[in-house]
Amino acid sequence: MYGEQVLRVREKLKQAAAADPNCQVFGARIHQYRLYEPLSQAELMQFEQQHGVKLPDAYRVFLTEIGNGGAGPYYGIHPLGKKQVIGLERIHEPSVLRSAAREDQAAGRMTKLCLDDDIDDEAYDEAMAEWCQGLLNIGEQWCGYETMLIVTGEYRGKVVYLDLDQTRFFFTYEEHFLDWYERWLDETIAGYESAWFGRRRGGDAQALMKLYHTEREEYTRFEALEGMLKLPSIAPETADFLVNQYKRGPANIPRLALQVLAKMDFDRADPLIRRTLHSQDPAARLLGMQLIKRYMPQGERRFMDELLALLPQELNEEAFRLCSKLLYEAGVEPLPLLIPFFKHPNLEVRIQAVYLAGKSADKANYLPDFIRALEDEEVRVQYTALQALGEVTDPGLMEIYEQLLRKHKTNKDYIRSYIKVRLEEFAFASLEEVEREIPTECTHVRGMLKKIVGL
């Protein structure tokens, strides 16, 4: 039944290794595209008899005709029954996991139990055992994320990803293990993005566009577009398709179409991103900035005029933060634009403005503005201003430092610690110099400096 697929998998494994000679694909340095020796039928049957279960056919064929683990998605495939993070005592029980479209009652109970501080250990262990029954741990992805094979129940044969820490799961799209495994080989050979293998729809651009056009369910169409994010590149006709969906697609489709286009063909996305930056919709502006941050080719300074114009009038907290960061990373001196935001009613905007202003080489010329930030009623603004004033050793700061030390009698908010750091930068050479240079009314500053100099 699987004879031709077995031959394809064997040949594609060689091609995958040749396509990735330096093992750059995620996890490849662990398995290096090598398989363990296949199991004998007797060894396989012994495992099945011991645990009272018959493994899915596609997986049995892999174990006996291809290899007992080794090369595979993420960190590879475990040898049968080895490296298990869940017990095998209930592997023969029907799996309770259901597809994403149906409620998973066991997972729901697990989530409630995990949130319960008074959880009974026995109740937790039982719920986890029920949630994991009928599953075989076939691979590891990273901390807390495991690859499982459903060996019993309604979805027997499907590969599912488990987040054991958050008790969440994801059903992969393929019908059985060998299809899932062969897809990994195909995508490795084609140079697809592999870090999140299996979580997006399979297929190349043509297959995904066909799925998009033939499916009526919006969620599936969304998945088809999202699947393009794994591709290494797209053809001009695919870019045309994405532009069309950006302009005419329903609901969340335009946002995703623009994201895919920005990742795959940033030049083609450029005028559409500019359109978002001029939008009256804060969410659209934020999307444009996010795409610039994530996908604009390194070293380029596009959109600087738009961002400079946006910053003084941007009211959305997250958009302001990202806009100011983009300008800073592009080498633009935004300090004069940031100063008015030191008094902004939104706390997070004030903090971000002070933080980025502190990175300016010209900040010493705006000392009165930073002093006003130090006098802010919010401790987080004071703290950020103290960080921002690194290497500024103006004597005019002594009085405001004295006020802060008097106000913050303990180091609960780390204000005193940062004042100490700032005072150390003044580099007084002796106790006599402290006595001579620091006003007598600054008793707390003098005391801290004497301890610093006396060390």
Protein backbone atom coordinates (compact mmCIF):
# COMPACT_ATOMS: atom_id res chain seq x y z
CA MET A 1 0.00 0.00 0.00
CA TYR A 2 2.83 2.38 0.84
CA GLY A 3 5.48 0.84 -1.42
CA GLU A 4 5.88 3.76 -3.84
CA GLN A 5 5.86 6.31 -1.02
CA VAL A 6 8.58 4.40 0.84
CA LEU A 7 10.79 4.54 -2.26
CA ARG A 8 10.12 8.27 -2.63
CA VAL A 9 10.95 8.95 1.01
CA ARG A 10 14.24 7.07 0.79
CA GLU A 11 15.28 9.01 -2.30
CA LYS A 12 14.07 12.37 -0.94
CA LEU A 13 16.03 11.90 2.26
CA LYS A 14 19.21 11.81 0.15
CA GLN A 15 18.06 14.91 -1.73
CA ALA A 16 17.28 16.74 1.52
CA ALA A 17 20.74 16.01 2.89
CA ALA A 18 22.28 17.27 -0.37
CA ALA A 19 20.13 20.42 -0.28
CA ASP A 20 21.31 21.19 3.27
CA PRO A 21 24.97 20.07 3.37
CA ASN A 22 25.80 22.30 6.36
CA CYS A 23 22.73 21.21 8.34
CA GLN A 24 21.29 24.73 8.57
CA VAL A 25 17.67 23.54 8.67
CA PHE A 26 16.23 23.70 12.17
CA GLY A 27 17.31 20.63 14.15
CA ALA A 28 19.39 19.15 11.35
CA ARG A 29 22.63 19.42 13.29
CA ILE A 30 21.18 16.92 15.75
CA HIS A 31 20.01 14.22 13.34
CA GLN A 32 22.25 15.11 10.34
CA TYR A 33 19.76 13.39 8.01
CA ARG A 34 20.67 9.96 9.33
CA LEU A 35 18.21 7.20 10.24
CA TYR A 36 18.52 4.38 12.73
CA GLU A 37 18.25 0.81 11.49
CA PRO A 38 14.65 -0.28 10.82
CA LEU A 39 12.86 -2.47 13.33
CA SER A 40 12.11 -6.07 12.58
CA GLN A 41 8.50 -7.16 12.46
CA ALA A 42 9.14 -9.18 15.62
CA GLU A 43 10.44 -6.13 17.51
CA LEU A 44 7.48 -4.05 16.38
CA MET A 45 4.95 -6.71 17.39
CA GLN A 46 6.64 -7.12 20.75
CA PHE A 47 6.10 -3.41 21.48
CA GLU A 48 2.50 -3.59 20.36
CA GLN A 49 1.74 -6.68 22.43
CA GLN A 50 3.45 -5.23 25.48
CA HIS A 51 1.31 -2.09 25.33
CA GLY A 52 -1.90 -3.55 23.96
CA VAL A 53 -2.05 -1.37 20.87
CA LYS A 54 -1.64 -1.68 17.12
CA LEU A 55 0.27 1.27 15.72
CA PRO A 56 -1.06 3.15 12.65
CA ASP A 57 -0.03 1.50 9.37
CA ALA A 58 1.91 4.42 7.88
CA TYR A 59 4.04 4.72 11.01
CA ARG A 60 4.59 0.94 11.15
CA VAL A 61 5.87 1.03 7.58
CA PHE A 62 8.26 3.86 8.46
CA LEU A 63 9.67 1.94 11.43
CA THR A 64 10.17 -1.34 9.59
CA GLU A 65 11.08 -0.21 6.06
CA ILE A 66 12.72 3.22 6.46
CA GLY A 67 14.16 3.62 9.94
CA ASN A 68 13.46 3.38 13.64
CA GLY A 69 13.75 7.14 14.12
CA GLY A 70 16.50 9.61 13.34
CA ALA A 71 16.18 12.28 10.64
CA GLY A 72 12.92 14.18 10.75
CA PRO A 73 11.17 17.47 11.53
CA TYR A 74 12.53 19.61 14.37
CA TYR A 75 15.06 17.54 16.35
CA GLY A 76 14.20 14.33 14.54
CA ILE A 77 12.08 11.23 15.17
CA HIS A 78 12.46 9.28 18.41
CA PRO A 79 13.18 5.55 18.23
CA LEU A 80 10.00 3.64 19.06
CA GLY A 81 9.03 4.13 22.70
CA LYS A 82 12.23 6.01 23.59
CA LYS A 83 12.66 9.54 25.00
CA GLN A 84 9.04 9.62 26.14
CA VAL A 85 7.91 12.64 28.16
CA ILE A 86 4.54 10.98 28.82
CA GLY A 87 3.88 7.55 30.20
CA LEU A 88 2.90 4.66 27.93
CA GLU A 89 0.60 3.01 30.47
CA ARG A 90 -2.52 4.45 28.79
CA ILE A 91 -1.36 4.42 25.20
CA HIS A 92 -4.03 1.80 24.40
CA GLU A 93 -6.86 4.01 25.73
CA PRO A 94 -8.88 6.05 23.17
CA SER A 95 -7.39 9.49 22.56
CA VAL A 96 -9.63 12.32 23.78
CA LEU A 97 -8.12 14.95 21.49
CA ARG A 98 -10.41 16.45 18.87
CA SER A 99 -9.75 18.63 15.85
CA ALA A 100 -9.50 22.38 16.31
CA ALA A 101 -13.08 22.83 15.12
CA ARG A 102 -14.42 20.78 18.04
CA GLU A 103 -14.27 21.40 21.75
CA ASP A 104 -11.54 19.50 23.57
CA GLN A 105 -13.11 18.88 26.95
CA ALA A 106 -10.04 17.22 28.45
CA ALA A 107 -7.86 20.19 27.50
CA GLY A 108 -10.47 22.51 28.96
CA ARG A 109 -10.30 20.69 32.26
CA MET A 110 -6.51 20.78 32.17
CA THR A 111 -6.50 24.54 31.62
CA LYS A 112 -8.79 25.09 34.60
CA LEU A 113 -6.67 22.84 36.78
CA CYS A 114 -3.45 24.63 35.78
CA LEU A 115 -5.00 27.96 36.80
CA ASP A 116 -6.08 26.59 40.18
CA ASP A 117 -3.53 27.43 42.87
CA ASP A 118 -5.08 24.84 45.16
CA ILE A 119 -4.89 22.05 42.62
CA ASP A 120 -4.72 18.54 44.02
CA ASP A 121 -1.71 16.65 42.67
CA GLU A 122 -3.71 13.50 42.14
CA ALA A 123 -6.42 15.36 40.20
CA TYR A 124 -3.83 17.10 38.05
CA ASP A 125 -1.98 13.87 37.25
CA GLU A 126 -5.21 12.13 36.32
CA ALA A 127 -6.33 14.95 34.01
CA MET A 128 -2.93 15.03 32.31
CA ALA A 129 -2.91 11.27 31.89
CA GLU A 130 -6.38 11.40 30.31
CA TRP A 131 -5.33 14.25 28.01
CA CYS A 132 -2.27 12.32 26.82
CA GLN A 133 -3.77 8.84 26.56
CA GLY A 134 -3.63 7.24 23.15
CA LEU A 135 -0.58 9.31 22.20
CA LEU A 136 2.96 8.23 21.35
CA ASN A 137 5.73 10.80 21.75
CA ILE A 138 7.60 10.63 18.41
CA GLY A 139 9.68 13.82 18.53
CA GLU A 140 10.79 16.91 20.43
CA GLN A 141 10.46 20.46 19.14
CA TRP A 142 11.76 22.61 22.01
CA CYS A 143 11.06 23.13 25.71
CA GLY A 144 7.56 21.92 26.48
CA TYR A 145 6.62 21.38 22.81
CA GLU A 146 6.38 17.77 21.67
CA THR A 147 5.45 15.91 18.50
CA MET A 148 2.89 13.16 19.10
CA LEU A 149 1.25 10.45 17.03
CA ILE A 150 -2.37 9.63 17.81
CA VAL A 151 -2.50 5.83 17.90
CA THR A 152 -6.10 5.30 19.08
CA GLY A 153 -9.48 6.95 18.72
CA GLU A 154 -11.18 9.02 16.06
CA TYR A 155 -8.01 10.66 14.73
CA ARG A 156 -5.77 7.59 14.81
CA GLY A 157 -2.73 8.07 12.57
CA LYS A 158 -2.63 11.88 12.75
CA VAL A 159 0.44 13.77 13.92
CA VAL A 160 -0.37 16.37 16.58
CA TYR A 161 1.82 18.96 18.29
CA LEU A 162 1.44 19.34 22.05
CA ASP A 163 2.35 22.29 24.25
CA LEU A 164 2.57 20.47 27.56
CA ASP A 165 3.13 23.63 29.61
CA GLN A 166 0.00 25.39 28.34
CA THR A 167 -2.01 22.21 27.59
CA ARG A 168 -2.63 23.27 24.00
CA PHE A 169 -2.41 21.21 20.85
CA PHE A 170 -2.29 21.58 17.07
CA PHE A 171 -3.44 19.01 14.51
CA THR A 172 -1.15 18.87 11.50
CA TYR A 173 -2.81 18.93 8.07
CA GLU A 174 -1.63 15.58 6.69
CA GLU A 175 -3.70 12.43 7.02
CA HIS A 176 -0.94 10.16 8.30
CA PHE A 177 2.67 10.02 9.44
CA LEU A 178 4.29 9.27 6.07
CA ASP A 179 2.53 12.18 4.35
CA TRP A 180 3.67 14.49 7.15
CA TYR A 181 7.22 13.15 6.94
CA GLU A 182 7.37 13.38 3.14
CA ARG A 183 6.13 16.96 3.28
CA TRP A 184 9.06 17.80 5.56
CA LEU A 185 11.46 16.32 3.01
CA ASP A 186 9.80 18.22 0.14
CA GLU A 187 10.01 21.53 1.99
CA THR A 188 13.61 20.93 3.04
CA ILE A 189 14.59 20.21 -0.56
CA ALA A 190 12.73 23.31 -1.77
CA GLY A 191 14.36 25.55 0.86
CA TYR A 192 11.14 26.45 2.67
CA GLU A 193 11.21 28.06 6.10
CA SER A 194 11.38 25.17 8.56
CA ALA A 195 11.31 26.62 12.09
CA TRP A 196 7.53 26.16 12.38
CA PHE A 197 7.20 23.16 10.10
CA GLY A 198 3.73 21.68 9.85
CA ARG A 199 1.88 24.57 11.44
CA ARG A 200 1.04 26.15 8.10
CA ARG A 201 -0.70 24.69 5.07
CA GLY A 202 1.54 22.69 2.77
CA GLY A 203 2.03 23.27 -0.92
CA ASP A 204 3.72 25.77 -3.20
CA ALA A 205 2.27 29.12 -4.29
CA GLN A 206 0.21 27.59 -7.09
CA ALA A 207 -1.35 24.98 -4.82
CA LEU A 208 -2.13 27.56 -2.14
CA MET A 209 -3.71 29.98 -4.62
CA LYS A 210 -5.84 27.14 -5.95
CA LEU A 211 -6.95 26.27 -2.41
CA TYR A 212 -7.77 29.92 -1.79
CA HIS A 213 -9.94 30.18 -4.90
CA THR A 214 -11.76 26.86 -4.44
CA GLU A 215 -12.54 27.15 -0.73
CA ARG A 216 -15.48 29.15 0.53
CA GLU A 217 -14.67 28.95 4.22
CA GLU A 218 -12.84 32.13 5.18
CA TYR A 219 -10.64 30.39 7.75
CA THR A 220 -9.31 27.93 5.18
CA ARG A 221 -8.65 30.77 2.73
CA PHE A 222 -6.79 32.57 5.51
CA GLU A 223 -4.69 29.43 6.06
CA ALA A 224 -3.93 29.25 2.34
CA LEU A 225 -2.51 32.78 2.39
CA GLU A 226 -0.65 32.16 5.64
CA GLY A 227 0.93 29.08 4.10
CA MET A 228 2.80 31.34 1.68
CA LEU A 229 4.87 32.73 4.55
CA LYS A 230 6.97 29.57 4.51
CA LEU A 231 7.98 29.99 0.85
CA PRO A 232 11.50 31.19 -0.02
CA SER A 233 10.20 33.44 -2.83
CA ILE A 234 7.19 34.13 -5.04
CA ALA A 235 6.66 34.72 -8.76
CA PRO A 236 5.26 38.02 -10.14
CA GLU A 237 1.84 36.44 -10.73
CA THR A 238 1.67 35.47 -7.05
CA ALA A 239 2.54 39.04 -6.09
CA ASP A 240 -0.30 40.23 -8.37
CA PHE A 241 -2.64 37.84 -6.58
CA LEU A 242 -1.61 39.20 -3.18
CA VAL A 243 -2.07 42.81 -4.27
CA ASN A 244 -5.55 41.95 -5.51
CA GLN A 245 -6.46 40.29 -2.21
CA TYR A 246 -5.14 43.28 -0.30
CA LYS A 247 -7.41 45.58 -2.25
CA ARG A 248 -10.52 43.39 -2.41
CA GLY A 249 -10.26 40.61 0.16
CA PRO A 250 -12.79 40.28 3.00
CA ALA A 251 -12.27 40.69 6.76
CA ASN A 252 -8.66 40.01 7.82
CA ILE A 253 -7.50 38.83 4.40
CA PRO A 254 -6.06 42.22 3.27
CA ARG A 255 -3.79 42.48 6.33
CA LEU A 256 -2.42 38.99 5.82
CA ALA A 257 -2.03 39.47 2.06
CA LEU A 258 0.04 42.59 2.68
CA GLN A 259 2.17 40.78 5.26
CA VAL A 260 2.94 37.95 2.84
CA LEU A 261 3.71 40.43 0.08
CA ALA A 262 5.99 42.47 2.34
CA LYS A 263 7.95 39.39 3.32
CA MET A 264 8.24 38.00 -0.19
CA ASP A 265 8.47 41.12 -2.37
CA PHE A 266 9.06 44.24 -0.28
CA ASP A 267 9.44 46.50 -3.31
CA ARG A 268 6.01 45.49 -4.54
CA ALA A 269 4.57 46.05 -1.07
CA ASP A 270 6.19 49.49 -0.72
CA PRO A 271 3.33 51.66 -2.11
CA LEU A 272 0.74 49.69 -0.16
CA ILE A 273 2.67 50.13 3.08
CA ARG A 274 2.87 53.86 2.39
CA ARG A 275 -0.90 53.84 2.03
CA THR A 276 -1.26 52.32 5.50
CA LEU A 277 0.99 55.02 7.00
CA HIS A 278 -1.35 57.71 5.64
CA SER A 279 -4.47 55.93 6.90
CA GLN A 280 -6.79 57.45 9.49
CA ASP A 281 -7.08 54.01 11.06
CA PRO A 282 -4.53 53.56 13.90
CA ALA A 283 -4.52 49.78 13.34
CA ALA A 284 -3.57 50.27 9.68
CA ARG A 285 -0.72 52.64 10.57
CA LEU A 286 0.53 50.20 13.16
CA LEU A 287 0.43 47.37 10.62
CA GLY A 288 2.52 49.41 8.20
CA MET A 289 5.13 50.10 10.87
CA GLN A 290 5.23 46.45 11.90
CA LEU A 291 5.86 45.38 8.32
CA ILE A 292 8.63 47.95 7.97
CA LYS A 293 10.24 46.72 11.17
CA ARG A 294 9.99 43.06 10.22
CA TYR A 295 10.61 42.97 6.48
CA MET A 296 12.31 46.11 5.19
CA PRO A 297 15.76 45.17 3.82
CA GLN A 298 18.48 45.88 6.33
CA GLY A 299 20.18 49.24 6.03
CA GLU A 300 17.44 50.92 4.01
CA ARG A 301 15.86 54.22 5.09
CA ARG A 302 12.54 54.12 3.30
CA PHE A 303 9.44 55.77 4.79
CA MET A 304 11.48 58.20 6.91
CA ASP A 305 9.50 61.22 5.72
CA GLU A 306 6.22 59.50 6.56
CA LEU A 307 7.44 58.39 9.98
CA LEU A 308 8.82 61.82 10.84
CA ALA A 309 5.47 63.35 9.93
CA LEU A 310 3.57 60.73 11.91
CA LEU A 311 5.51 60.85 15.16
CA PRO A 312 4.35 64.26 16.47
CA GLN A 313 0.69 63.37 15.93
CA GLU A 314 0.61 59.64 16.67
CA LEU A 315 -1.78 58.97 19.55
CA ASN A 316 -1.73 55.19 19.48
CA GLU A 317 0.64 54.00 22.21
CA GLU A 318 2.05 51.00 20.38
CA ALA A 319 2.34 52.86 17.08
CA PHE A 320 4.18 55.73 18.78
CA ARG A 321 6.62 53.31 20.38
CA LEU A 322 7.33 51.56 17.08
CA CYS A 323 7.51 54.76 15.05
CA SER A 324 10.06 56.33 17.37
CA LYS A 325 12.08 53.12 17.43
CA LEU A 326 12.16 52.89 13.64
CA LEU A 327 13.41 56.44 13.39
CA TYR A 328 16.11 55.81 15.95
CA GLU A 329 17.27 52.61 14.23
CA ALA A 330 17.43 54.47 10.92
CA GLY A 331 19.84 56.98 12.41
CA VAL A 332 17.36 59.86 12.43
CA GLU A 333 17.79 62.30 15.34
CA PRO A 334 14.23 62.41 16.71
CA LEU A 335 15.06 64.09 20.03
CA PRO A 336 13.45 67.48 19.24
CA LEU A 337 10.31 65.60 18.20
CA LEU A 338 10.35 63.50 21.36
CA ILE A 339 10.64 66.32 23.89
CA PRO A 340 6.95 67.35 23.70
CA PHE A 341 5.99 63.77 24.57
CA PHE A 342 7.77 64.07 27.93
CA LYS A 343 4.49 65.63 29.12
CA HIS A 344 2.12 63.34 27.23
CA PRO A 345 -0.93 62.16 29.26
CA ASN A 346 -0.26 58.53 28.26
CA LEU A 347 2.27 57.05 30.68
CA GLU A 348 3.70 54.52 28.21
CA VAL A 349 4.21 57.23 25.60
CA ARG A 350 6.08 59.39 28.14
CA ILE A 351 8.31 56.47 29.10
CA GLN A 352 9.12 55.57 25.50
CA ALA A 353 9.87 59.20 24.60
CA VAL A 354 12.25 59.64 27.54
CA TYR A 355 13.91 56.29 26.91
CA LEU A 356 14.69 56.98 23.25
CA ALA A 357 15.66 60.59 23.92
CA GLY A 358 18.28 59.23 26.28
CA LYS A 359 20.01 57.54 23.35
CA SER A 360 20.66 60.88 21.68
CA ALA A 361 24.19 62.28 21.67
CA ASP A 362 22.62 65.72 22.06
CA LYS A 363 20.67 65.00 25.25
CA ALA A 364 22.85 67.20 27.50
CA ASN A 365 21.50 70.25 25.65
CA TYR A 366 17.97 69.35 26.75
CA LEU A 367 18.70 69.07 30.46
CA PRO A 368 15.66 71.12 31.66
CA ASP A 369 13.38 68.69 29.83
CA PHE A 370 15.01 65.67 31.44
CA ILE A 371 14.75 67.36 34.83
CA ARG A 372 11.02 67.74 34.28
CA ALA A 373 10.92 64.03 33.54
CA LEU A 374 12.75 63.36 36.81
CA GLU A 375 10.04 65.38 38.56
CA ASP A 376 7.25 63.35 36.94
CA GLU A 377 4.72 61.98 39.42
CA GLU A 378 5.11 58.47 38.01
CA VAL A 379 8.07 56.51 39.39
CA ARG A 380 8.55 54.63 36.11
CA VAL A 381 9.15 57.92 34.28
CA GLN A 382 11.65 58.98 36.97
CA TYR A 383 13.41 55.65 36.67
CA THR A 384 13.56 55.89 32.86
CA ALA A 385 14.87 59.46 33.03
CA LEU A 386 17.65 58.36 35.36
CA GLN A 387 18.59 55.66 32.86
CA ALA A 388 18.45 58.16 30.00
CA LEU A 389 20.82 60.59 31.74
CA GLY A 390 23.76 58.23 31.55
CA GLU A 391 27.09 60.10 31.11
CA VAL A 392 25.44 63.48 31.70
CA THR A 393 27.43 65.07 34.54
CA ASP A 394 25.91 68.53 34.79
CA PRO A 395 26.13 69.97 38.35
CA GLY A 396 22.58 71.24 37.95
CA LEU A 397 21.38 67.67 38.46
CA MET A 398 22.57 67.55 42.08
CA GLU A 399 19.56 69.38 43.50
CA ILE A 400 17.04 67.17 41.70
CA TYR A 401 18.95 64.06 42.77
CA GLU A 402 18.76 65.36 46.34
CA GLN A 403 14.99 65.78 46.02
CA LEU A 404 14.60 62.25 44.69
CA LEU A 405 16.74 60.77 47.48
CA ARG A 406 14.65 62.57 50.09
CA LYS A 407 11.45 61.31 48.46
CA HIS A 408 12.62 57.73 47.95
CA LYS A 409 13.87 56.75 51.39
CA THR A 410 14.14 53.07 50.40
CA ASN A 411 15.34 51.39 47.23
CA LYS A 412 11.96 49.77 46.56
CA ASP A 413 11.71 51.29 43.05
CA TYR A 414 15.48 51.24 42.39
CA ILE A 415 15.60 55.01 42.20
CA ARG A 416 18.39 55.20 44.77
CA SER A 417 20.41 52.58 42.90
CA TYR A 418 20.26 54.52 39.66
CA ILE A 419 21.10 57.80 41.34
CA LYS A 420 24.19 56.07 42.74
CA VAL A 421 25.13 54.96 39.22
CA ARG A 422 24.68 58.49 37.90
CA LEU A 423 26.72 60.00 40.77
CA GLU A 424 29.56 57.55 40.14
CA GLU A 425 29.89 59.07 36.66
CA PHE A 426 30.85 62.44 38.16
CA ALA A 427 34.16 60.83 39.20
CA PHE A 428 35.01 62.94 42.25
CA ALA A 429 38.62 62.31 43.20
CA SER A 430 38.44 62.88 46.97
CA LEU A 431 36.21 63.54 49.95
CA GLU A 432 37.54 67.09 50.03
CA GLU A 433 36.36 67.67 46.48
CA VAL A 434 32.88 66.43 47.40
CA GLU A 435 32.81 68.81 50.36
CA ARG A 436 33.94 71.68 48.15
CA GLU A 437 31.77 71.11 45.09
CA ILE A 438 28.44 69.84 46.47
CA PRO A 439 26.12 72.35 48.20
CA THR A 440 25.77 71.72 51.92
CA GLU A 441 21.98 71.49 51.63
CA CYS A 442 22.38 68.39 49.41
CA THR A 443 23.02 66.20 52.43
CA HIS A 444 21.79 62.96 50.91
CA VAL A 445 23.83 63.44 47.73
CA ARG A 446 26.91 64.34 49.76
CA GLY A 447 26.46 61.24 51.91
CA MET A 448 26.13 58.96 48.90
CA LEU A 449 29.12 60.52 47.16
CA LYS A 450 31.27 60.17 50.26
CA LYS A 451 30.50 56.47 50.36
CA ILE A 452 31.37 56.21 46.66
CA VAL A 453 34.66 58.10 46.98
CA GLY A 454 35.55 56.33 50.21
CA LEU A 455 35.31 52.86 48.69
